Amino acid sequence: MAIRTKLGALLAGAALALASGAALAADYTLVISSWAPPTHNINARMWPKFTEMVEEATGGRVTTELKLGLADAPAQMDLIMDGAADVSIIFHGYQPGRFVTTKLIELPGYVGTSEAASVAYWRAYDTYLKQADEHRGVKVVAMHAHGGAQLMSAEPVTELAQAAGMKVRIPGGVAADVGAALGMVGIQVPAPKVYETLASKAADGVVMPIDSRVGFKLTEVAQNMYMLPGGLYRGSFAFIMNEDTFASLPEDIRTALEEKVFGEPISRAIGAIWEEGDAEAIAATLATPGNAIIDATPQDAATFEQVAATVRDKVIAEVAATGVDAQAAYDMIKAEMAAN
């Protein structure tokens, strides 16, 4: 368990003279492990927002300390279970077979913002998906999803048919299903490795959320973005916490976190940050010489909807096999997003 108490911090001596005032004033410091680049919105905005909400909810008794590079992205859940850090963010698609129900939010065809998607996702998780107990061993703090991912490449893609045969970095989960349906040759590398993968020409393109154009500097190596309405998929993420860490906190702090931060409040806040990142990345793309956004034709959008329908049927059947009411969960997400 990595949580630090005020007493432990004081015993550390002069080394803590460089620590922030908030950390010194707090009774408890939660150690956050993150795998994204320092400037990515995950680290630049999401964790600071989480920290702000935690400090406000607990009257400053709990704060955080962000650490980068403790482990690769796919290893974060095991790292939290082992107690090497207290809190982390996981991308469910990096661990094929470990998560199935989380694929519901990844499906193409949802209409709505990332904030609406993240709120709907949390509600569906709390009502249906958590019954599958796929996050056993950790405490789920938030469930959230980025906006629709798009195909980005150095060479322009002007029609959907060009995707067939392209070597494309695709994450796991629904993204892999969609890529296979479109005839892409999938290459799986973690997001932090995407820039070098494209720069070295090991891949022709990448399917990622729009905000990655800024967060992972894709305007430099994937200058063209082919835009399908709603995107090819939405990525599924969770904020998770070590169970022993949470249990070790005083009851009043646990209650404050559960009521004011964990669940829907932080899921909504993170979703809004994903949405802001997409808007900023579109603006950056349009402002960067040599970059272009190519909108899919109505004919290509209709063709992709047929692909999406097939993928949806497949995923709903997979989720249903876990014992969860997959159709009800899907219908809930769709309705909640349409209402927000």
Protein backbone atom coordinates (compact mmCIF):
# COMPACT_ATOMS: atom_id res chain seq x y z
CA MET A 1 0.00 0.00 0.00
CA ALA A 2 1.59 3.25 -1.17
CA ILE A 3 -0.50 5.79 0.74
CA ARG A 4 1.56 8.21 2.81
CA THR A 5 0.45 9.62 6.16
CA LYS A 6 1.45 12.96 7.67
CA LEU A 7 3.49 11.18 10.36
CA GLY A 8 5.42 9.22 7.78
CA ALA A 9 6.07 12.37 5.80
CA LEU A 10 7.42 14.23 8.83
CA LEU A 11 9.82 11.39 9.60
CA ALA A 12 11.21 11.65 6.11
CA GLY A 13 13.07 14.80 7.19
CA ALA A 14 14.60 17.52 5.10
CA ALA A 15 13.85 15.80 1.79
CA LEU A 16 10.23 16.83 2.10
CA ALA A 17 11.14 20.50 2.23
CA LEU A 18 10.73 20.47 -1.53
CA ALA A 19 7.21 19.00 -1.40
CA SER A 20 4.16 21.09 -2.18
CA GLY A 21 2.33 22.97 0.54
CA ALA A 22 -0.81 20.95 -0.10
CA ALA A 23 1.02 17.66 0.38
CA LEU A 24 2.60 18.85 3.63
CA ALA A 25 -0.72 20.10 5.00
CA ALA A 26 -2.65 16.93 4.13
CA ASP A 27 -3.06 13.98 6.47
CA TYR A 28 -2.96 11.50 3.58
CA THR A 29 -1.28 11.54 0.17
CA LEU A 30 -2.52 9.15 -2.50
CA VAL A 31 0.22 8.08 -4.92
CA ILE A 32 -1.04 8.18 -8.52
CA SER A 33 0.58 6.06 -11.22
CA SER A 34 0.11 7.28 -14.79
CA TRP A 35 1.49 6.04 -18.09
CA ALA A 36 0.60 8.93 -20.42
CA PRO A 37 3.09 11.66 -21.45
CA PRO A 38 3.39 14.57 -18.98
CA THR A 39 1.58 16.99 -21.30
CA HIS A 40 -1.32 14.68 -22.17
CA ASN A 41 -4.70 15.72 -20.78
CA ILE A 42 -4.70 12.65 -18.54
CA ASN A 43 -1.84 14.19 -16.58
CA ALA A 44 -2.28 17.86 -17.40
CA ARG A 45 -5.99 18.05 -16.53
CA MET A 46 -7.63 14.80 -15.39
CA TRP A 47 -5.41 14.03 -12.43
CA PRO A 48 -5.33 17.69 -11.34
CA LYS A 49 -9.15 17.72 -11.49
CA PHE A 50 -9.30 14.51 -9.47
CA THR A 51 -6.91 16.03 -6.92
CA GLU A 52 -8.94 19.23 -6.71
CA MET A 53 -12.15 17.28 -6.09
CA VAL A 54 -10.49 15.02 -3.50
CA GLU A 55 -8.99 17.95 -1.60
CA GLU A 56 -12.27 19.88 -1.65
CA ALA A 57 -14.33 16.88 -0.54
CA THR A 58 -11.99 16.09 2.36
CA GLY A 59 -11.26 19.65 3.47
CA GLY A 60 -7.63 19.27 2.42
CA ARG A 61 -7.00 16.16 4.54
CA VAL A 62 -6.27 14.09 1.42
CA THR A 63 -4.11 15.11 -1.54
CA THR A 64 -2.18 13.26 -4.26
CA GLU A 65 1.28 12.79 -5.70
CA LEU A 66 1.58 11.98 -9.41
CA LYS A 67 4.27 9.54 -10.53
CA LEU A 68 5.02 8.71 -14.16
CA GLY A 69 6.69 5.64 -15.60
CA LEU A 70 6.13 3.21 -12.73
CA ALA A 71 4.86 0.62 -15.23
CA ASP A 72 3.61 0.32 -18.80
CA ALA A 73 -0.05 0.96 -19.54
CA PRO A 74 -1.13 -2.73 -19.62
CA ALA A 75 0.44 -3.36 -16.20
CA GLN A 76 -1.38 -0.64 -14.26
CA MET A 77 -4.14 -2.79 -12.79
CA ASP A 78 -1.68 -5.34 -11.44
CA LEU A 79 0.47 -2.49 -10.09
CA ILE A 80 -2.51 -1.13 -8.12
CA MET A 81 -3.49 -4.59 -6.88
CA ASP A 82 0.07 -5.07 -5.64
CA GLY A 83 -0.01 -1.74 -3.77
CA ALA A 84 2.91 -0.14 -5.65
CA ALA A 85 0.67 2.92 -6.07
CA ASP A 86 -2.74 3.91 -4.74
CA VAL A 87 -4.59 5.12 -7.84
CA SER A 88 -4.18 4.73 -11.60
CA ILE A 89 -5.93 4.93 -14.96
CA ILE A 90 -6.41 1.82 -17.09
CA PHE A 91 -7.43 1.37 -20.71
CA HIS A 92 -9.48 -1.80 -20.85
CA GLY A 93 -8.52 -2.67 -24.42
CA TYR A 94 -4.88 -3.20 -23.45
CA GLN A 95 -5.80 -6.43 -21.67
CA PRO A 96 -7.71 -8.63 -24.16
CA GLY A 97 -9.89 -11.22 -22.48
CA ARG A 98 -9.68 -9.63 -19.04
CA PHE A 99 -12.55 -7.21 -19.71
CA VAL A 100 -15.61 -7.95 -21.82
CA THR A 101 -18.49 -5.85 -20.49
CA THR A 102 -16.44 -2.67 -20.93
CA LYS A 103 -16.68 -3.14 -24.71
CA LEU A 104 -20.27 -1.85 -24.63
CA ILE A 105 -19.20 1.80 -24.33
CA GLU A 106 -16.66 1.33 -27.12
CA LEU A 107 -19.29 0.54 -29.74
CA PRO A 108 -19.57 2.86 -32.74
CA GLY A 109 -22.86 4.63 -33.37
CA TYR A 110 -23.53 6.41 -30.08
CA VAL A 111 -24.57 10.05 -30.49
CA GLY A 112 -23.38 12.49 -27.85
CA THR A 113 -20.41 14.10 -26.13
CA SER A 114 -17.68 12.39 -24.16
CA GLU A 115 -19.18 13.87 -21.00
CA ALA A 116 -22.58 12.36 -21.79
CA ALA A 117 -20.93 9.06 -22.69
CA SER A 118 -18.97 8.94 -19.43
CA VAL A 119 -22.03 9.68 -17.30
CA ALA A 120 -24.07 7.08 -19.18
CA TYR A 121 -21.21 4.61 -18.85
CA TRP A 122 -20.99 5.02 -15.09
CA ARG A 123 -24.75 4.59 -14.69
CA ALA A 124 -24.76 1.45 -16.85
CA TYR A 125 -21.75 0.11 -14.95
CA ASP A 126 -23.36 0.76 -11.58
CA THR A 127 -26.67 -0.76 -12.68
CA TYR A 128 -25.55 -3.70 -14.82
CA LEU A 129 -21.90 -4.13 -15.73
CA LYS A 130 -20.35 -4.35 -12.27
CA GLN A 131 -22.25 -7.61 -11.76
CA ALA A 132 -19.60 -9.29 -13.93
CA ASP A 133 -16.97 -8.33 -11.30
CA GLU A 134 -14.27 -7.79 -13.94
CA HIS A 135 -12.44 -5.27 -11.75
CA ARG A 136 -12.14 -7.63 -8.80
CA GLY A 137 -9.14 -6.81 -6.67
CA VAL A 138 -9.39 -3.03 -7.06
CA LYS A 139 -11.89 -0.31 -6.22
CA VAL A 140 -13.45 1.35 -9.27
CA VAL A 141 -13.37 5.13 -8.89
CA ALA A 142 -14.62 6.21 -12.33
CA MET A 143 -15.65 4.81 -15.70
CA HIS A 144 -15.20 7.08 -18.71
CA ALA A 145 -14.81 7.17 -22.47
CA HIS A 146 -13.05 9.40 -24.95
CA GLY A 147 -14.75 10.76 -28.07
CA GLY A 148 -15.07 8.90 -31.35
CA ALA A 149 -11.67 7.71 -32.58
CA GLN A 150 -10.66 8.52 -36.14
CA LEU A 151 -8.23 7.16 -38.73
CA MET A 152 -5.07 9.28 -38.95
CA SER A 153 -2.23 8.79 -41.41
CA ALA A 154 0.69 10.48 -43.15
CA GLU A 155 -0.82 9.79 -46.56
CA PRO A 156 -4.38 11.09 -47.02
CA VAL A 157 -7.30 8.66 -46.87
CA THR A 158 -10.21 9.99 -48.87
CA GLU A 159 -12.54 6.99 -48.88
CA LEU A 160 -13.27 4.14 -46.50
CA ALA A 161 -12.21 1.45 -48.96
CA GLN A 162 -8.59 2.64 -48.66
CA ALA A 163 -8.48 1.33 -45.10
CA ALA A 164 -8.37 -2.27 -46.35
CA GLY A 165 -4.81 -3.51 -46.28
CA MET A 166 -3.42 -0.53 -44.36
CA LYS A 167 -1.06 -1.31 -41.48
CA VAL A 168 -2.78 0.55 -38.67
CA ARG A 169 -2.05 0.82 -34.97
CA ILE A 170 -5.28 -0.32 -33.32
CA PRO A 171 -5.86 -0.89 -29.59
CA GLY A 172 -7.76 -3.94 -28.38
CA GLY A 173 -11.44 -4.25 -27.65
CA VAL A 174 -14.02 -3.03 -30.14
CA ALA A 175 -11.35 -1.12 -32.05
CA ALA A 176 -9.79 -4.44 -33.05
CA ASP A 177 -13.21 -5.77 -34.16
CA VAL A 178 -13.84 -2.67 -36.29
CA GLY A 179 -10.35 -2.73 -37.78
CA ALA A 180 -10.71 -6.37 -38.77
CA ALA A 181 -14.13 -5.70 -40.32
CA LEU A 182 -12.62 -2.92 -42.43
CA GLY A 183 -9.72 -5.11 -43.58
CA MET A 184 -7.02 -3.23 -41.69
CA VAL A 185 -3.80 -5.02 -40.73
CA GLY A 186 -3.79 -4.35 -37.00
CA ILE A 187 -0.63 -3.44 -35.10
CA GLN A 188 -1.00 -3.27 -31.33
CA VAL A 189 1.35 -0.96 -29.44
CA PRO A 190 0.57 1.12 -26.34
CA ALA A 191 -0.38 4.73 -26.96
CA PRO A 192 2.95 6.17 -25.71
CA LYS A 193 4.71 4.20 -28.49
CA VAL A 194 2.50 5.47 -31.32
CA TYR A 195 4.65 8.45 -32.32
CA GLU A 196 7.78 6.39 -32.89
CA THR A 197 5.76 3.63 -34.60
CA LEU A 198 4.45 6.12 -37.16
CA ALA A 199 7.72 8.03 -37.46
CA SER A 200 9.59 4.82 -38.28
CA LYS A 201 6.96 3.87 -40.88
CA ALA A 202 6.24 0.65 -39.01
CA ALA A 203 2.56 1.55 -39.47
CA ASP A 204 0.70 3.45 -42.19
CA GLY A 205 -1.70 5.02 -39.76
CA VAL A 206 -3.37 4.93 -36.39
CA VAL A 207 -6.91 4.85 -35.04
CA MET A 208 -7.04 7.02 -31.91
CA PRO A 209 -9.17 9.70 -30.26
CA ILE A 210 -8.91 13.16 -31.77
CA ASP A 211 -7.23 14.66 -28.72
CA SER A 212 -4.24 12.40 -29.39
CA ARG A 213 -3.25 14.74 -32.19
CA VAL A 214 -2.04 17.09 -29.46
CA GLY A 215 -1.42 14.72 -26.56
CA PHE A 216 0.79 12.38 -28.63
CA LYS A 217 2.00 14.95 -31.21
CA LEU A 218 0.32 13.20 -34.11
CA THR A 219 0.14 16.42 -36.12
CA GLU A 220 3.84 15.72 -36.81
CA VAL A 221 3.58 12.12 -38.05
CA ALA A 222 -0.09 11.58 -39.06
CA GLN A 223 -0.94 14.83 -40.78
CA ASN A 224 -4.25 13.65 -42.27
CA MET A 225 -7.38 12.72 -40.33
CA TYR A 226 -10.27 10.88 -41.99
CA MET A 227 -13.43 11.78 -40.05
CA LEU A 228 -16.42 9.45 -39.74
CA PRO A 229 -19.50 10.78 -37.90
CA GLY A 230 -19.25 9.46 -34.34
CA GLY A 231 -15.90 7.81 -35.02
CA LEU A 232 -14.87 4.18 -35.36
CA TYR A 233 -15.05 3.42 -31.62
CA ARG A 234 -14.86 5.04 -28.17
CA GLY A 235 -12.13 3.99 -25.80
CA SER A 236 -13.05 2.59 -22.38
CA PHE A 237 -11.11 3.74 -19.30
CA ALA A 238 -11.36 3.42 -15.53
CA PHE A 239 -9.79 5.19 -12.60
CA ILE A 240 -9.01 2.48 -10.06
CA MET A 241 -7.80 2.45 -6.45
CA ASN A 242 -6.07 -0.04 -4.20
CA GLU A 243 -8.74 -1.59 -1.95
CA ASP A 244 -6.53 -1.63 1.15
CA THR A 245 -5.66 2.03 0.66
CA PHE A 246 -9.32 2.99 0.58
CA ALA A 247 -10.14 0.80 3.58
CA SER A 248 -7.32 2.38 5.59
CA LEU A 249 -8.79 5.88 5.32
CA PRO A 250 -10.99 7.14 8.17
CA GLU A 251 -14.70 6.48 7.74
CA ASP A 252 -15.62 10.15 7.34
CA ILE A 253 -13.07 10.56 4.54
CA ARG A 254 -14.30 7.41 2.78
CA THR A 255 -17.86 8.71 2.99
CA ALA A 256 -16.88 12.12 1.61
CA LEU A 257 -15.03 10.57 -1.31
CA GLU A 258 -17.89 8.20 -2.13
CA GLU A 259 -20.52 10.95 -1.99
CA LYS A 260 -18.68 13.84 -3.63
CA VAL A 261 -15.97 12.43 -5.89
CA PHE A 262 -16.14 8.76 -6.80
CA GLY A 263 -18.57 7.45 -9.37
CA GLU A 264 -20.65 9.83 -11.43
CA PRO A 265 -19.08 13.16 -10.29
CA ILE A 266 -15.52 12.36 -11.36
CA SER A 267 -16.68 10.33 -14.38
CA ARG A 268 -18.58 13.39 -15.62
CA ALA A 269 -15.62 15.70 -14.99
CA ILE A 270 -13.20 13.44 -16.87
CA GLY A 271 -15.61 13.06 -19.78
CA ALA A 272 -15.81 16.84 -20.11
CA ILE A 273 -12.01 17.02 -20.27
CA TRP A 274 -11.94 14.43 -23.07
CA GLU A 275 -14.44 16.57 -24.98
CA GLU A 276 -12.41 19.75 -24.50
CA GLY A 277 -9.30 17.94 -25.70
CA ASP A 278 -11.00 16.90 -28.94
CA ALA A 279 -12.06 20.47 -29.69
CA GLU A 280 -8.57 21.79 -29.03
CA ALA A 281 -7.00 19.08 -31.21
CA ILE A 282 -9.29 19.89 -34.12
CA ALA A 283 -8.31 23.55 -33.84
CA ALA A 284 -4.62 22.61 -33.65
CA THR A 285 -4.95 20.37 -36.71
CA LEU A 286 -6.55 23.11 -38.77
CA ALA A 287 -3.87 25.57 -37.64
CA THR A 288 -0.90 23.28 -38.42
CA PRO A 289 0.59 23.59 -41.92
CA GLY A 290 0.43 20.34 -43.87
CA ASN A 291 -2.41 18.92 -41.76
CA ALA A 292 -5.89 18.23 -43.12
CA ILE A 293 -9.25 16.90 -41.99
CA ILE A 294 -11.06 14.83 -44.62
CA ASP A 295 -14.76 14.25 -43.94
CA ALA A 296 -16.25 10.90 -44.92
CA THR A 297 -18.82 11.01 -47.69
CA PRO A 298 -22.45 10.16 -46.85
CA GLN A 299 -21.97 6.95 -48.84
CA ASP A 300 -18.96 5.93 -46.73
CA ALA A 301 -20.84 6.83 -43.53
CA ALA A 302 -23.69 4.55 -44.61
CA THR A 303 -21.27 1.74 -45.45
CA PHE A 304 -19.60 2.06 -42.07
CA GLU A 305 -22.96 1.95 -40.29
CA GLN A 306 -23.48 -1.52 -41.75
CA VAL A 307 -20.09 -2.57 -40.36
CA ALA A 308 -20.94 -0.98 -37.01
CA ALA A 309 -24.25 -2.86 -36.79
CA THR A 310 -22.48 -6.19 -37.25
CA VAL A 311 -19.91 -5.32 -34.57
CA ARG A 312 -22.66 -4.20 -32.17
CA ASP A 313 -24.51 -7.50 -32.50
CA LYS A 314 -21.29 -9.44 -31.90
CA VAL A 315 -20.32 -7.43 -28.81
CA ILE A 316 -23.77 -7.49 -27.24
CA ALA A 317 -23.74 -11.28 -27.57
CA GLU A 318 -20.27 -11.45 -25.96
CA VAL A 319 -21.34 -9.29 -23.03
CA ALA A 320 -24.56 -11.28 -22.58
CA ALA A 321 -22.45 -14.43 -22.23
CA THR A 322 -20.98 -12.99 -19.01
CA GLY A 323 -24.44 -13.10 -17.42
CA VAL A 324 -25.01 -9.34 -17.67
CA ASP A 325 -28.20 -8.02 -19.33
CA ALA A 326 -26.21 -6.65 -22.25
CA GLN A 327 -29.14 -5.39 -24.30
CA ALA A 328 -30.55 -3.45 -21.35
CA ALA A 329 -27.14 -1.94 -20.60
CA TYR A 330 -26.65 -0.94 -24.24
CA ASP A 331 -30.13 0.57 -24.42
CA MET A 332 -29.45 2.49 -21.20
CA ILE A 333 -26.19 3.96 -22.52
CA LYS A 334 -27.83 4.97 -25.79
CA ALA A 335 -30.84 6.55 -24.08
CA GLU A 336 -28.78 8.34 -21.42
CA MET A 337 -26.47 9.81 -24.06
CA ALA A 338 -29.36 10.97 -26.19
CA ALA A 339 -30.91 12.69 -23.17
CA ASN A 340 -27.77 14.66 -22.27
